[in-house]
N, C-alpha and C. Protein backbone atom coordinates (compact mmCIF):
# COMPACT_ATOMS: atom_id res chain seq x y z
N UNK A 1 179.04 13.82 -89.41
CA UNK A 1 179.56 12.48 -89.10
C UNK A 1 178.23 11.76 -89.06
N UNK A 2 177.80 11.07 -90.40
CA UNK A 2 176.59 10.12 -90.05
C UNK A 2 176.90 8.78 -89.97
N UNK A 3 176.24 8.08 -88.65
CA UNK A 3 176.58 6.77 -88.15
C UNK A 3 175.91 5.82 -89.44
N UNK A 4 176.73 5.04 -89.88
CA UNK A 4 176.00 3.62 -91.02
C UNK A 4 175.28 2.87 -90.21
N UNK A 5 175.64 2.51 -89.09
CA UNK A 5 174.80 1.27 -88.44
C UNK A 5 173.58 2.04 -87.39
N UNK A 6 172.80 1.65 -88.34
CA UNK A 6 171.30 2.70 -87.40
C UNK A 6 170.82 1.14 -86.54
N UNK A 7 170.92 1.38 -85.36
CA UNK A 7 170.32 0.30 -84.22
C UNK A 7 169.09 0.51 -84.16
N UNK A 8 168.03 -0.31 -84.39
CA UNK A 8 166.52 -0.27 -84.02
C UNK A 8 166.63 0.08 -82.40
N UNK A 9 165.24 0.70 -82.28
CA UNK A 9 164.72 0.41 -81.11
C UNK A 9 164.63 -0.61 -79.80
N UNK A 10 164.68 -0.40 -79.08
CA UNK A 10 165.49 -1.73 -78.09
C UNK A 10 163.58 -2.35 -77.72
N UNK A 11 162.22 -1.79 -77.66
CA UNK A 11 160.86 -1.82 -77.94
C UNK A 11 160.74 -2.83 -79.24
N UNK A 12 161.40 -2.92 -79.76
CA UNK A 12 161.34 -3.43 -81.02
C UNK A 12 161.74 -5.21 -81.08
N UNK A 13 162.37 -5.36 -80.08
CA UNK A 13 163.27 -6.82 -79.94
C UNK A 13 162.33 -7.44 -78.69
N UNK A 14 161.22 -6.90 -78.18
CA UNK A 14 160.44 -7.13 -77.30
C UNK A 14 159.52 -8.34 -77.72
N UNK A 15 159.05 -7.78 -79.26
CA UNK A 15 157.80 -9.04 -79.26
C UNK A 15 158.75 -9.52 -80.78
N UNK A 16 157.57 -10.42 -80.95
CA UNK A 16 157.81 -11.27 -82.37
C UNK A 16 156.87 -10.69 -83.05
N UNK A 17 156.79 -10.83 -84.39
CA UNK A 17 156.09 -10.21 -85.58
C UNK A 17 154.42 -10.88 -85.34
N UNK A 18 153.92 -10.40 -85.01
CA UNK A 18 152.17 -10.87 -84.61
C UNK A 18 152.13 -10.93 -83.04
N UNK A 19 152.69 -11.03 -82.36
CA UNK A 19 152.54 -11.31 -80.86
C UNK A 19 152.29 -9.64 -80.29
N UNK A 20 150.87 -9.48 -80.44
CA UNK A 20 150.34 -7.85 -79.51
C UNK A 20 150.36 -8.13 -78.23
N UNK A 21 150.34 -9.43 -77.57
CA UNK A 21 149.88 -9.32 -75.86
C UNK A 21 151.49 -8.97 -75.16
N UNK A 22 152.23 -9.05 -76.21
CA UNK A 22 153.72 -8.27 -75.66
C UNK A 22 154.06 -6.92 -75.25
N UNK A 23 153.20 -6.46 -76.53
CA UNK A 23 152.98 -4.19 -76.42
C UNK A 23 151.87 -3.93 -74.92
N UNK A 24 151.08 -5.14 -74.92
CA UNK A 24 150.40 -4.47 -74.31
C UNK A 24 148.57 -4.21 -74.66
N UNK A 25 148.91 -4.98 -76.21
CA UNK A 25 147.30 -4.38 -76.98
C UNK A 25 146.64 -5.96 -77.12
N UNK A 26 146.05 -5.73 -76.12
CA UNK A 26 145.14 -6.69 -75.94
C UNK A 26 143.77 -6.44 -76.47
N UNK A 27 143.55 -6.05 -77.56
CA UNK A 27 142.06 -6.11 -77.90
C UNK A 27 141.33 -7.28 -78.07
N UNK A 28 139.92 -7.03 -77.98
CA UNK A 28 138.95 -7.76 -77.87
C UNK A 28 137.35 -7.23 -78.53
N UNK A 29 137.02 -8.47 -78.83
CA UNK A 29 135.71 -7.89 -79.47
C UNK A 29 134.44 -8.16 -78.40
N UNK A 30 133.54 -7.42 -77.86
CA UNK A 30 132.54 -7.34 -76.88
C UNK A 30 131.59 -6.75 -77.86
N UNK A 31 130.39 -5.96 -77.30
CA UNK A 31 129.17 -5.79 -77.91
C UNK A 31 129.66 -4.28 -78.49
N UNK A 32 130.55 -3.67 -78.09
CA UNK A 32 130.92 -2.16 -79.20
C UNK A 32 131.54 -2.61 -80.28
N UNK A 33 130.74 -1.75 -81.21
CA UNK A 33 130.82 -2.21 -82.51
C UNK A 33 132.83 -1.76 -83.52
N UNK A 34 133.63 -1.64 -81.95
CA UNK A 34 134.48 -1.17 -82.73
C UNK A 34 135.72 -2.21 -81.60
N UNK A 35 137.22 -2.49 -82.46
CA UNK A 35 137.49 -3.04 -81.52
C UNK A 35 138.51 -2.34 -80.87
N UNK A 36 138.14 -2.73 -79.41
CA UNK A 36 139.05 -1.74 -78.44
C UNK A 36 139.83 -2.25 -76.95
N UNK A 37 140.86 -1.68 -77.01
CA UNK A 37 141.35 -2.27 -75.61
C UNK A 37 140.93 -1.72 -74.18
N UNK A 38 141.56 -2.05 -73.24
CA UNK A 38 140.87 -1.80 -71.88
C UNK A 38 140.86 -0.06 -71.81
N UNK A 39 141.92 0.82 -72.51
CA UNK A 39 142.34 2.14 -72.36
C UNK A 39 140.86 2.79 -73.21
N UNK A 40 140.47 2.36 -74.53
CA UNK A 40 139.61 3.04 -75.09
C UNK A 40 138.34 2.83 -74.78
N UNK A 41 138.21 1.60 -73.81
CA UNK A 41 136.74 1.19 -73.21
C UNK A 41 136.94 2.43 -72.13
N UNK A 42 138.05 2.47 -71.14
CA UNK A 42 137.82 3.56 -70.23
C UNK A 42 137.54 4.92 -70.52
N UNK A 43 138.00 5.41 -72.13
CA UNK A 43 137.84 7.11 -72.24
C UNK A 43 136.31 6.76 -73.13
N UNK A 44 135.63 5.78 -73.57
CA UNK A 44 134.60 6.12 -73.75
C UNK A 44 133.91 5.83 -72.57
N UNK A 45 134.28 5.47 -71.36
CA UNK A 45 133.26 5.65 -70.52
C UNK A 45 132.92 7.24 -69.64
N UNK A 46 134.29 7.30 -69.55
CA UNK A 46 134.90 9.04 -69.40
C UNK A 46 133.37 9.64 -69.68
N UNK A 47 133.70 9.60 -71.02
CA UNK A 47 132.86 10.66 -72.07
C UNK A 47 131.36 10.29 -71.94
N UNK A 48 130.80 9.40 -71.76
CA UNK A 48 129.63 8.95 -71.31
C UNK A 48 128.96 9.35 -69.70
N UNK A 49 130.28 9.52 -68.78
CA UNK A 49 130.11 10.37 -67.56
C UNK A 49 129.81 11.56 -67.80
N UNK A 50 130.53 12.04 -68.84
CA UNK A 50 130.44 13.96 -68.88
C UNK A 50 129.11 14.08 -68.92
N UNK A 51 128.84 13.61 -70.40
CA UNK A 51 127.17 13.79 -71.32
C UNK A 51 126.60 13.42 -70.34
N UNK A 52 126.39 12.41 -69.39
CA UNK A 52 125.20 11.79 -68.53
C UNK A 52 125.29 13.26 -67.74
N UNK A 53 126.26 13.42 -67.03
CA UNK A 53 126.24 14.73 -65.77
C UNK A 53 125.86 16.23 -66.35
N UNK A 54 126.12 16.52 -67.92
CA UNK A 54 125.61 17.86 -68.14
C UNK A 54 124.01 17.37 -68.30
N UNK A 55 123.97 16.07 -69.19
CA UNK A 55 122.08 16.06 -69.25
C UNK A 55 121.41 16.01 -67.99
N UNK A 56 122.12 15.66 -66.70
CA UNK A 56 121.35 15.51 -65.77
C UNK A 56 121.29 16.87 -64.98
N UNK A 57 122.65 17.88 -64.92
CA UNK A 57 122.63 18.99 -64.80
C UNK A 57 121.38 19.77 -65.26
N UNK A 58 121.27 20.00 -66.54
CA UNK A 58 120.18 20.72 -67.70
C UNK A 58 118.50 19.90 -67.14
N UNK A 59 118.38 18.72 -67.45
CA UNK A 59 117.31 18.01 -67.02
C UNK A 59 116.29 17.54 -66.12
N UNK A 60 117.53 17.13 -65.44
CA UNK A 60 117.17 16.17 -64.20
C UNK A 60 117.50 17.07 -62.80
N UNK A 61 118.38 17.70 -62.50
CA UNK A 61 118.05 18.34 -61.34
C UNK A 61 117.25 19.52 -61.19
N UNK A 62 117.11 19.91 -62.22
CA UNK A 62 115.78 20.83 -61.76
C UNK A 62 114.55 20.30 -61.10
N UNK A 63 114.26 19.03 -61.63
CA UNK A 63 113.22 18.46 -60.97
C UNK A 63 113.18 18.09 -59.84
N UNK A 64 114.86 18.11 -59.09
CA UNK A 64 114.84 17.76 -57.61
C UNK A 64 115.20 16.67 -57.70
N UNK A 65 116.15 15.21 -58.49
CA UNK A 65 116.77 14.83 -58.15
C UNK A 65 118.51 15.07 -58.22
N UNK A 66 119.39 14.27 -57.73
CA UNK A 66 120.96 14.84 -56.99
C UNK A 66 121.44 14.12 -58.15
N UNK A 67 122.54 14.98 -58.09
CA UNK A 67 123.62 14.63 -59.17
C UNK A 67 123.97 13.47 -58.80
N UNK A 68 124.15 13.09 -57.32
CA UNK A 68 124.97 11.65 -57.19
C UNK A 68 124.35 10.31 -57.73
N UNK A 69 123.06 10.61 -58.09
CA UNK A 69 122.14 9.39 -58.90
C UNK A 69 123.30 8.84 -60.17
N UNK A 70 123.38 10.11 -60.66
CA UNK A 70 123.38 10.12 -61.99
C UNK A 70 124.99 9.63 -62.02
N UNK A 71 126.17 9.86 -61.10
CA UNK A 71 127.23 9.37 -60.72
C UNK A 71 127.30 7.67 -60.66
N UNK A 72 126.24 7.67 -59.71
CA UNK A 72 125.93 6.23 -59.50
C UNK A 72 125.99 5.42 -60.88
N UNK A 73 124.77 5.87 -61.84
CA UNK A 73 124.83 5.08 -63.04
C UNK A 73 125.99 5.20 -63.84
N UNK A 74 126.28 6.58 -63.85
CA UNK A 74 127.86 6.58 -64.46
C UNK A 74 128.50 5.71 -64.41
N UNK A 75 128.90 5.46 -62.95
CA UNK A 75 129.79 4.52 -62.61
C UNK A 75 129.41 2.83 -63.07
N UNK A 76 128.26 2.57 -62.88
CA UNK A 76 127.59 1.17 -62.72
C UNK A 76 128.13 1.10 -64.53
N UNK A 77 127.79 1.90 -65.28
CA UNK A 77 127.61 2.14 -66.80
C UNK A 77 129.03 1.83 -67.09
N UNK A 78 129.46 2.41 -66.56
CA UNK A 78 131.44 2.76 -66.96
C UNK A 78 132.01 1.25 -66.72
N UNK A 79 131.46 0.84 -65.56
CA UNK A 79 132.36 -0.74 -65.40
C UNK A 79 131.71 -1.97 -66.06
N UNK A 80 130.24 -1.36 -66.69
CA UNK A 80 129.98 -2.67 -67.52
C UNK A 80 130.37 -2.78 -69.06
N UNK A 81 130.99 -1.33 -69.43
CA UNK A 81 131.58 -1.17 -70.56
C UNK A 81 132.92 -1.66 -70.86
N UNK A 82 133.68 -1.13 -69.20
CA UNK A 82 135.21 -1.98 -69.58
C UNK A 82 135.18 -3.58 -68.96
N UNK A 83 133.89 -3.81 -68.58
CA UNK A 83 134.39 -5.42 -68.42
C UNK A 83 133.70 -6.24 -69.54
N UNK A 84 132.94 -5.53 -70.08
CA UNK A 84 132.33 -6.23 -71.36
C UNK A 84 132.13 -5.88 -72.64
N UNK A 85 132.28 -4.21 -72.96
CA UNK A 85 132.58 -3.85 -73.91
C UNK A 85 133.99 -4.19 -74.86
């Protein structure tokens, strides 16, 4: 038995066509060369933090500088990217 009356998803009725803000997609233009929302910028910040930590463990920590310096740099850079990116 198939139902001939297909009802659309409930979330389709929440936003009008072209109204991205109602769906939570607040894309904006910053210094990054792509359109991003806050989660994209957060993901980019986490990837940079991991890459910086690996670089720091391999090259900088043997010199004697603590990983906490790398974490502070990554936190500041991540906040900047999320805010302005």
